[in-house]
Amino acid sequence: MALFKANKPAGKPGEWFYCIKHKKVEEGPECPAKDRFGPYPTRGEAEHAMERVAERNQDWDAQD
């Protein structure tokens, strides 16, 4: 008998995340925090998470 239950990430319905490990959008979340971006208010925003990351990286690089 296990003393501890497996740690399932806690989240709320309506919160959207982008999993960088599986390269997919998830509601909930499903994956650990180290593997995801979010939460986002809509599925569409989560779907474009990597684009937003690229834009921010370009902005930060331009500041240096």
PDB file of N, CA and C in Angstrom:
ATOM      1  N   MET A   1       0.840  -1.182   0.000  1.00  0.00           N
ATOM      2  CA  MET A   1       0.000   0.000   0.000  1.00  0.00           C
ATOM      3  C   MET A   1       0.888   1.250   0.000  1.00  0.00           C
ATOM      4  N   ALA A   2       0.602   2.155  -0.911  1.00  0.00           N
ATOM      5  CA  ALA A   2       1.381   3.378  -1.025  1.00  0.00           C
ATOM      6  C   ALA A   2       1.000   4.371   0.057  1.00  0.00           C
ATOM      7  N   LEU A   3       1.995   5.033   0.593  1.00  0.00           N
ATOM      8  CA  LEU A   3       1.731   6.045   1.619  1.00  0.00           C
ATOM      9  C   LEU A   3       1.307   7.370   1.018  1.00  0.00           C
ATOM     10  N   PHE A   4       1.771   7.636  -0.193  1.00  0.00           N
ATOM     11  CA  PHE A   4       1.469   8.905  -0.840  1.00  0.00           C
ATOM     12  C   PHE A   4       0.841   8.655  -2.198  1.00  0.00           C
ATOM     13  N   LYS A   5      -0.096   9.491  -2.541  1.00  0.00           N
ATOM     14  CA  LYS A   5      -0.694   9.421  -3.876  1.00  0.00           C
ATOM     15  C   LYS A   5       0.214  10.143  -4.863  1.00  0.00           C
ATOM     16  N   ALA A   6       0.143   9.743  -6.100  1.00  0.00           N
ATOM     17  CA  ALA A   6       0.918  10.423  -7.137  1.00  0.00           C
ATOM     18  C   ALA A   6       0.487  11.882  -7.202  1.00  0.00           C
ATOM     19  N   ASN A   7       1.450  12.756  -7.342  1.00  0.00           N
ATOM     20  CA  ASN A   7       1.146  14.192  -7.419  1.00  0.00           C
ATOM     21  C   ASN A   7       0.642  14.540  -8.803  1.00  0.00           C
ATOM     22  N   LYS A   8      -0.640  14.798  -8.905  1.00  0.00           N
ATOM     23  CA  LYS A   8      -1.242  15.265 -10.153  1.00  0.00           C
ATOM     24  C   LYS A   8      -1.338  16.773 -10.062  1.00  0.00           C
ATOM     25  N   PRO A   9      -0.868  17.477 -11.078  1.00  0.00           N
ATOM     26  CA  PRO A   9      -0.945  18.937 -11.031  1.00  0.00           C
ATOM     27  C   PRO A   9      -2.387  19.405 -10.827  1.00  0.00           C
ATOM     28  N   ALA A  10      -2.540  20.375  -9.950  1.00  0.00           N
ATOM     29  CA  ALA A  10      -3.864  20.918  -9.683  1.00  0.00           C
ATOM     30  C   ALA A  10      -4.123  22.107 -10.587  1.00  0.00           C
ATOM     31  N   GLY A  11      -5.325  22.203 -11.046  1.00  0.00           N
ATOM     32  CA  GLY A  11      -5.703  23.326 -11.881  1.00  0.00           C
ATOM     33  C   GLY A  11      -7.201  23.470 -11.903  1.00  0.00           C
ATOM     34  N   LYS A  12      -7.652  24.521 -12.526  1.00  0.00           N
ATOM     35  CA  LYS A  12      -9.080  24.803 -12.588  1.00  0.00           C
ATOM     36  C   LYS A  12      -9.567  24.661 -14.024  1.00  0.00           C
ATOM     37  N   PRO A  13     -10.778  24.177 -14.201  1.00  0.00           N
ATOM     38  CA  PRO A  13     -11.343  24.185 -15.557  1.00  0.00           C
ATOM     39  C   PRO A  13     -11.396  25.623 -16.068  1.00  0.00           C
ATOM     40  N   GLY A  14     -11.085  25.792 -17.317  1.00  0.00           N
ATOM     41  CA  GLY A  14     -11.065  27.131 -17.897  1.00  0.00           C
ATOM     42  C   GLY A  14      -9.690  27.758 -17.890  1.00  0.00           C
ATOM     43  N   GLU A  15      -8.718  27.130 -17.202  1.00  0.00           N
ATOM     44  CA  GLU A  15      -7.332  27.585 -17.268  1.00  0.00           C
ATOM     45  C   GLU A  15      -6.629  26.746 -18.324  1.00  0.00           C
ATOM     46  N   TRP A  16      -5.933  27.405 -19.208  1.00  0.00           N
ATOM     47  CA  TRP A  16      -5.271  26.723 -20.319  1.00  0.00           C
ATOM     48  C   TRP A  16      -3.769  26.840 -20.186  1.00  0.00           C
ATOM     49  N   PHE A  17      -3.061  25.782 -20.558  1.00  0.00           N
ATOM     50  CA  PHE A  17      -1.614  25.719 -20.458  1.00  0.00           C
ATOM     51  C   PHE A  17      -1.042  25.177 -21.756  1.00  0.00           C
ATOM     52  N   TYR A  18       0.230  25.477 -21.989  1.00  0.00           N
ATOM     53  CA  TYR A  18       0.936  24.886 -23.120  1.00  0.00           C
ATOM     54  C   TYR A  18       2.071  24.048 -22.552  1.00  0.00           C
ATOM     55  N   CYS A  19       2.050  22.743 -22.849  1.00  0.00           N
ATOM     56  CA  CYS A  19       3.079  21.824 -22.381  1.00  0.00           C
ATOM     57  C   CYS A  19       4.225  21.828 -23.389  1.00  0.00           C
ATOM     58  N   ILE A  20       5.410  22.245 -22.929  1.00  0.00           N
ATOM     59  CA  ILE A  20       6.562  22.299 -23.818  1.00  0.00           C
ATOM     60  C   ILE A  20       7.175  20.918 -24.036  1.00  0.00           C
ATOM     61  N   LYS A  21       6.904  19.995 -23.158  1.00  0.00           N
ATOM     62  CA  LYS A  21       7.423  18.629 -23.312  1.00  0.00           C
ATOM     63  C   LYS A  21       6.662  17.871 -24.395  1.00  0.00           C
ATOM     64  N   HIS A  22       5.326  17.970 -24.346  1.00  0.00           N
ATOM     65  CA  HIS A  22       4.479  17.243 -25.293  1.00  0.00           C
ATOM     66  C   HIS A  22       4.034  18.098 -26.476  1.00  0.00           C
ATOM     67  N   LYS A  23       4.362  19.414 -26.420  1.00  0.00           N
ATOM     68  CA  LYS A  23       3.983  20.360 -27.475  1.00  0.00           C
ATOM     69  C   LYS A  23       2.484  20.329 -27.752  1.00  0.00           C
ATOM     70  N   LYS A  24       1.711  20.491 -26.652  1.00  0.00           N
ATOM     71  CA  LYS A  24       0.260  20.489 -26.803  1.00  0.00           C
ATOM     72  C   LYS A  24      -0.384  21.410 -25.778  1.00  0.00           C
ATOM     73  N   VAL A  25      -1.586  21.825 -26.103  1.00  0.00           N
ATOM     74  CA  VAL A  25      -2.391  22.645 -25.206  1.00  0.00           C
ATOM     75  C   VAL A  25      -3.169  21.711 -24.298  1.00  0.00           C
ATOM     76  N   GLU A  26      -3.265  22.091 -23.033  1.00  0.00           N
ATOM     77  CA  GLU A  26      -4.014  21.280 -22.086  1.00  0.00           C
ATOM     78  C   GLU A  26      -4.854  22.169 -21.186  1.00  0.00           C
ATOM     79  N   GLU A  27      -5.981  21.656 -20.790  1.00  0.00           N
ATOM     80  CA  GLU A  27      -6.842  22.365 -19.845  1.00  0.00           C
ATOM     81  C   GLU A  27      -6.671  21.689 -18.509  1.00  0.00           C
ATOM     82  N   GLY A  28      -6.374  22.491 -17.510  1.00  0.00           N
ATOM     83  CA  GLY A  28      -6.321  21.817 -16.211  1.00  0.00           C
ATOM     84  C   GLY A  28      -5.308  22.294 -15.224  1.00  0.00           C
ATOM     85  N   PRO A  29      -4.089  21.995 -15.297  1.00  0.00           N
ATOM     86  CA  PRO A  29      -3.162  21.420 -16.259  1.00  0.00           C
ATOM     87  C   PRO A  29      -3.030  19.908 -16.109  1.00  0.00           C
ATOM     88  N   GLU A  30      -2.325  19.290 -17.036  1.00  0.00           N
ATOM     89  CA  GLU A  30      -2.074  17.867 -16.974  1.00  0.00           C
ATOM     90  C   GLU A  30      -0.625  17.559 -16.601  1.00  0.00           C
ATOM     91  N   CYS A  31       0.308  18.398 -17.036  1.00  0.00           N
ATOM     92  CA  CYS A  31       1.735  18.155 -16.843  1.00  0.00           C
ATOM     93  C   CYS A  31       2.290  19.011 -15.702  1.00  0.00           C
ATOM     94  N   PRO A  32       3.448  18.618 -15.162  1.00  0.00           N
ATOM     95  CA  PRO A  32       4.066  19.394 -14.079  1.00  0.00           C
ATOM     96  C   PRO A  32       4.436  20.812 -14.519  1.00  0.00           C
ATOM     97  N   ALA A  33       4.523  21.705 -13.570  1.00  0.00           N
ATOM     98  CA  ALA A  33       4.798  23.119 -13.842  1.00  0.00           C
ATOM     99  C   ALA A  33       6.114  23.325 -14.594  1.00  0.00           C
ATOM    100  N   LYS A  34       7.097  22.476 -14.362  1.00  0.00           N
ATOM    101  CA  LYS A  34       8.391  22.645 -15.026  1.00  0.00           C
ATOM    102  C   LYS A  34       8.298  22.424 -16.531  1.00  0.00           C
ATOM    103  N   ASP A  35       7.214  21.817 -16.994  1.00  0.00           N
ATOM    104  CA  ASP A  35       7.048  21.492 -18.405  1.00  0.00           C
ATOM    105  C   ASP A  35       5.980  22.320 -19.105  1.00  0.00           C
ATOM    106  N   ARG A  36       5.493  23.400 -18.472  1.00  0.00           N
ATOM    107  CA  ARG A  36       4.379  24.115 -19.097  1.00  0.00           C
ATOM    108  C   ARG A  36       4.454  25.616 -18.891  1.00  0.00           C
ATOM    109  N   PHE A  37       3.781  26.320 -19.783  1.00  0.00           N
ATOM    110  CA  PHE A  37       3.564  27.759 -19.678  1.00  0.00           C
ATOM    111  C   PHE A  37       2.093  27.976 -19.371  1.00  0.00           C
ATOM    112  N   GLY A  38       1.797  29.013 -18.625  1.00  0.00           N
ATOM    113  CA  GLY A  38       0.412  29.347 -18.344  1.00  0.00           C
ATOM    114  C   GLY A  38       0.225  29.633 -16.871  1.00  0.00           C
ATOM    115  N   PRO A  39      -0.978  29.894 -16.475  1.00  0.00           N
ATOM    116  CA  PRO A  39      -2.218  29.682 -17.220  1.00  0.00           C
ATOM    117  C   PRO A  39      -2.553  30.836 -18.156  1.00  0.00           C
ATOM    118  N   TYR A  40      -3.281  30.494 -19.187  1.00  0.00           N
ATOM    119  CA  TYR A  40      -3.821  31.456 -20.148  1.00  0.00           C
ATOM    120  C   TYR A  40      -5.344  31.443 -20.022  1.00  0.00           C
ATOM    121  N   PRO A  41      -5.984  32.579 -20.285  1.00  0.00           N
ATOM    122  CA  PRO A  41      -7.443  32.637 -20.133  1.00  0.00           C
ATOM    123  C   PRO A  41      -8.217  31.901 -21.225  1.00  0.00           C
ATOM    124  N   THR A  42      -7.579  31.688 -22.387  1.00  0.00           N
ATOM    125  CA  THR A  42      -8.277  31.013 -23.481  1.00  0.00           C
ATOM    126  C   THR A  42      -7.375  29.955 -24.110  1.00  0.00           C
ATOM    127  N   ARG A  43      -8.006  29.014 -24.778  1.00  0.00           N
ATOM    128  CA  ARG A  43      -7.265  27.982 -25.493  1.00  0.00           C
ATOM    129  C   ARG A  43      -6.399  28.615 -26.595  1.00  0.00           C
ATOM    130  N   GLY A  44      -6.960  29.596 -27.280  1.00  0.00           N
ATOM    131  CA  GLY A  44      -6.245  30.257 -28.363  1.00  0.00           C
ATOM    132  C   GLY A  44      -4.947  30.897 -27.903  1.00  0.00           C
ATOM    133  N   GLU A  45      -4.968  31.553 -26.744  1.00  0.00           N
ATOM    134  CA  GLU A  45      -3.747  32.159 -26.228  1.00  0.00           C
ATOM    135  C   GLU A  45      -2.714  31.094 -25.894  1.00  0.00           C
ATOM    136  N   ALA A  46      -3.150  29.982 -25.330  1.00  0.00           N
ATOM    137  CA  ALA A  46      -2.230  28.887 -25.019  1.00  0.00           C
ATOM    138  C   ALA A  46      -1.641  28.290 -26.293  1.00  0.00           C
ATOM    139  N   GLU A  47      -2.439  28.215 -27.356  1.00  0.00           N
ATOM    140  CA  GLU A  47      -1.954  27.667 -28.624  1.00  0.00           C
ATOM    141  C   GLU A  47      -0.823  28.516 -29.209  1.00  0.00           C
ATOM    142  N   HIS A  48      -0.811  29.801 -28.898  1.00  0.00           N
ATOM    143  CA  HIS A  48       0.197  30.715 -29.433  1.00  0.00           C
ATOM    144  C   HIS A  48       1.285  31.040 -28.414  1.00  0.00           C
ATOM    145  N   ALA A  49       1.418  30.225 -27.402  1.00  0.00           N
ATOM    146  CA  ALA A  49       2.393  30.486 -26.339  1.00  0.00           C
ATOM    147  C   ALA A  49       3.813  30.552 -26.863  1.00  0.00           C
ATOM    148  N   MET A  50       4.189  29.645 -27.735  1.00  0.00           N
ATOM    149  CA  MET A  50       5.567  29.624 -28.230  1.00  0.00           C
ATOM    150  C   MET A  50       5.871  30.839 -29.107  1.00  0.00           C
ATOM    151  N   GLU A  51       4.874  31.334 -29.823  1.00  0.00           N
ATOM    152  CA  GLU A  51       5.068  32.548 -30.607  1.00  0.00           C
ATOM    153  C   GLU A  51       5.346  33.734 -29.685  1.00  0.00           C
ATOM    154  N   ARG A  52       4.594  33.791 -28.612  1.00  0.00           N
ATOM    155  CA  ARG A  52       4.780  34.883 -27.655  1.00  0.00           C
ATOM    156  C   ARG A  52       6.157  34.799 -26.994  1.00  0.00           C
ATOM    157  N   VAL A  53       6.605  33.585 -26.692  1.00  0.00           N
ATOM    158  CA  VAL A  53       7.941  33.399 -26.119  1.00  0.00           C
ATOM    159  C   VAL A  53       8.998  33.915 -27.096  1.00  0.00           C
ATOM    160  N   ALA A  54       8.872  33.572 -28.366  1.00  0.00           N
ATOM    161  CA  ALA A  54       9.833  34.013 -29.376  1.00  0.00           C
ATOM    162  C   ALA A  54       9.849  35.538 -29.484  1.00  0.00           C
ATOM    163  N   GLU A  55       8.673  36.160 -29.452  1.00  0.00           N
ATOM    164  CA  GLU A  55       8.591  37.624 -29.520  1.00  0.00           C
ATOM    165  C   GLU A  55       9.288  38.271 -28.325  1.00  0.00           C
ATOM    166  N   ARG A  56       9.043  37.729 -27.141  1.00  0.00           N
ATOM    167  CA  ARG A  56       9.666  38.287 -25.938  1.00  0.00           C
ATOM    168  C   ARG A  56      11.175  38.114 -25.971  1.00  0.00           C
ATOM    169  N   ASN A  57      11.629  36.968 -26.438  1.00  0.00           N
ATOM    170  CA  ASN A  57      13.070  36.748 -26.547  1.00  0.00           C
ATOM    171  C   ASN A  57      13.713  37.751 -27.494  1.00  0.00           C
ATOM    172  N   GLN A  58      13.062  38.036 -28.606  1.00  0.00           N
ATOM    173  CA  GLN A  58      13.579  39.031 -29.547  1.00  0.00           C
ATOM    174  C   GLN A  58      13.635  40.409 -28.904  1.00  0.00           C
ATOM    175  N   ASP A  59      12.578  40.753 -28.163  1.00  0.00           N
ATOM    176  CA  ASP A  59      12.555  42.051 -27.481  1.00  0.00           C
ATOM    177  C   ASP A  59      13.695  42.152 -26.470  1.00  0.00           C
ATOM    178  N   TRP A  60      13.907  41.096 -25.701  1.00  0.00           N
ATOM    179  CA  TRP A  60      14.973  41.122 -24.690  1.00  0.00           C
ATOM    180  C   TRP A  60      16.344  41.187 -25.342  1.00  0.00           C
ATOM    181  N   ASP A  61      16.530  40.449 -26.437  1.00  0.00           N
ATOM    182  CA  ASP A  61      17.799  40.488 -27.156  1.00  0.00           C
ATOM    183  C   ASP A  61      18.076  41.886 -27.695  1.00  0.00           C
ATOM    184  N   ALA A  62      17.032  42.558 -28.158  1.00  0.00           N
ATOM    185  CA  ALA A  62      17.187  43.908 -28.691  1.00  0.00           C
ATOM    186  C   ALA A  62      17.573  44.910 -27.614  1.00  0.00           C
ATOM    187  N   GLN A  63      17.187  44.648 -26.385  1.00  0.00           N
ATOM    188  CA  GLN A  63      17.513  45.544 -25.269  1.00  0.00           C
ATOM    189  C   GLN A  63      18.977  45.434 -24.859  1.00  0.00           C
ATOM    190  N   ASP A  64      19.606  44.320 -25.141  1.00  0.00           N
ATOM    191  CA  ASP A  64      21.012  44.110 -24.730  1.00  0.00           C
ATOM    192  C   ASP A  64      21.984  44.847 -25.602  1.00  0.00           C
TER     193      ASP A  64
END
